[in-house]
Amino acid sequence: MRIAFYGSSLLSSYWNGAATYYRGLLRDLASRGYTITFFEPDAYNRQQHRDIEPPAWAEVRVYEATEAALHAAIAEAAQADVVVKTSGVGVFDEDLLEGVMMAARPEAIRIFWDVDAPATLADIAAAPDHPMRRALPGLDLVLTYGGGPPVVRAYESFGARCCIPIYNALDPETHHPVPPDPRFAADLAFLGNRLPDREARVDAFFLQAAALLPERQFLIGGNGWDTRPMPPNVRSLGHVYTRDHNAFNVTALAVLNIARDSMAAVGYSPATRVFEAAGAGACLITDAWTGLELFLKEGEEVLVARDGRDVAQQLAALTPERAKAIGAAAQARILAGHTYAHRGVEVDAILRRERARARSVPA
């Protein structure tokens, strides 16, 4: 089957946390015989901050952020068996959603793939005329990268025929143990862009812990933190390219995961960083959220904190030996059940089922 995939970017993770998710899933689907064309706009300086060049397993079409280029990209949807529009493309999102679904052939599978379902659902709930309300009845599937039962129920209440979470996962070919790198030396490291619905939780879980442990060294990576005053024991790196994530994760004694407000409230939304850290064998400390037990076991495969004081206590008590044991246990758990090969099996089965369903429906 030919897939036309309209997303934010496959080539760059710059202000684009979904890049690893797209790469892992689509590379696996390509290995299963799917032909993939990924359409991404030239926007937000992402093409100037590429992590990868166009891969052999997908054709990448970079289009200018203009209406003319948009319409040309939309027209390509007519060539596909599966048409996917993701959330958060960032350029002409409404026009792109309506356009590609209209351009798709009648027998094509139409999918909206939501990589920030809590935010999308909040927007839909707040706007009776939201374009998703019009689009949902015409879609075959809504796939999400998290959210679990609450997100499924919400999408179905808005008219989705079928909503299925396809969770983040690990690509062991790209995220794995490497030697430590002195650039990332720290007791606790956190990687995430500065976003309005994350900053307060970074204050509470990361910066408060740093203030409570002034003798320990803390490291923060991601866009936007350069203008934020930091305690003297916190070092800010700026954007960390995907190629450096393994070294970032393995070098510190522990790495911290902090969900955004909406993701924490809904639960069942493990960030890509959770799987990257586990794949590298890093010791992960995460904020608490519903559904964590589906992926990692508290106390054995991951450490869980309810606030910054918890983070500080976990870190103060953590020995290198225990950190290594937790990281190894997390890596084994994720490799056994949460790789993109596992997710690819799920998506392949879903697409084959949808194709069979469409063929069984009388014209």
Foldseek 3Di string as FASTA:
>chain_A
DEEEAEAQDCFFCAVNQCNVVVVQQQLLLLVVPYAYEYEAECDPCRVVHTLDDDDPSYHYHYFYLDPVRLLVSLLCLCVGQEYEYEPDSPGPNLCSLVSNLVNHDPLHAYEYEYAPQLVVLVVCVVDVVPSVLVRQQSHQEYEYQWQPPVSQVSSVVSPHPYYYYLHAAADLVQFAADDADVVQAFQEEEEDADDPQFVVQCCWAPQVLCVVCVVTAYEYEEADCPPPDGPPRYDYDYHDRSNCLLNNLARHLAYEDEDGPSCQVSFGHDRNSLNSNLRNLFAYEYEDHPPCVVQADDPQQHDYDPTNVRNNVCSVPDDSVSRNRNSPVNNVRRVVAGGSNNSNVVVVVVVVVSSVVSVVDDD
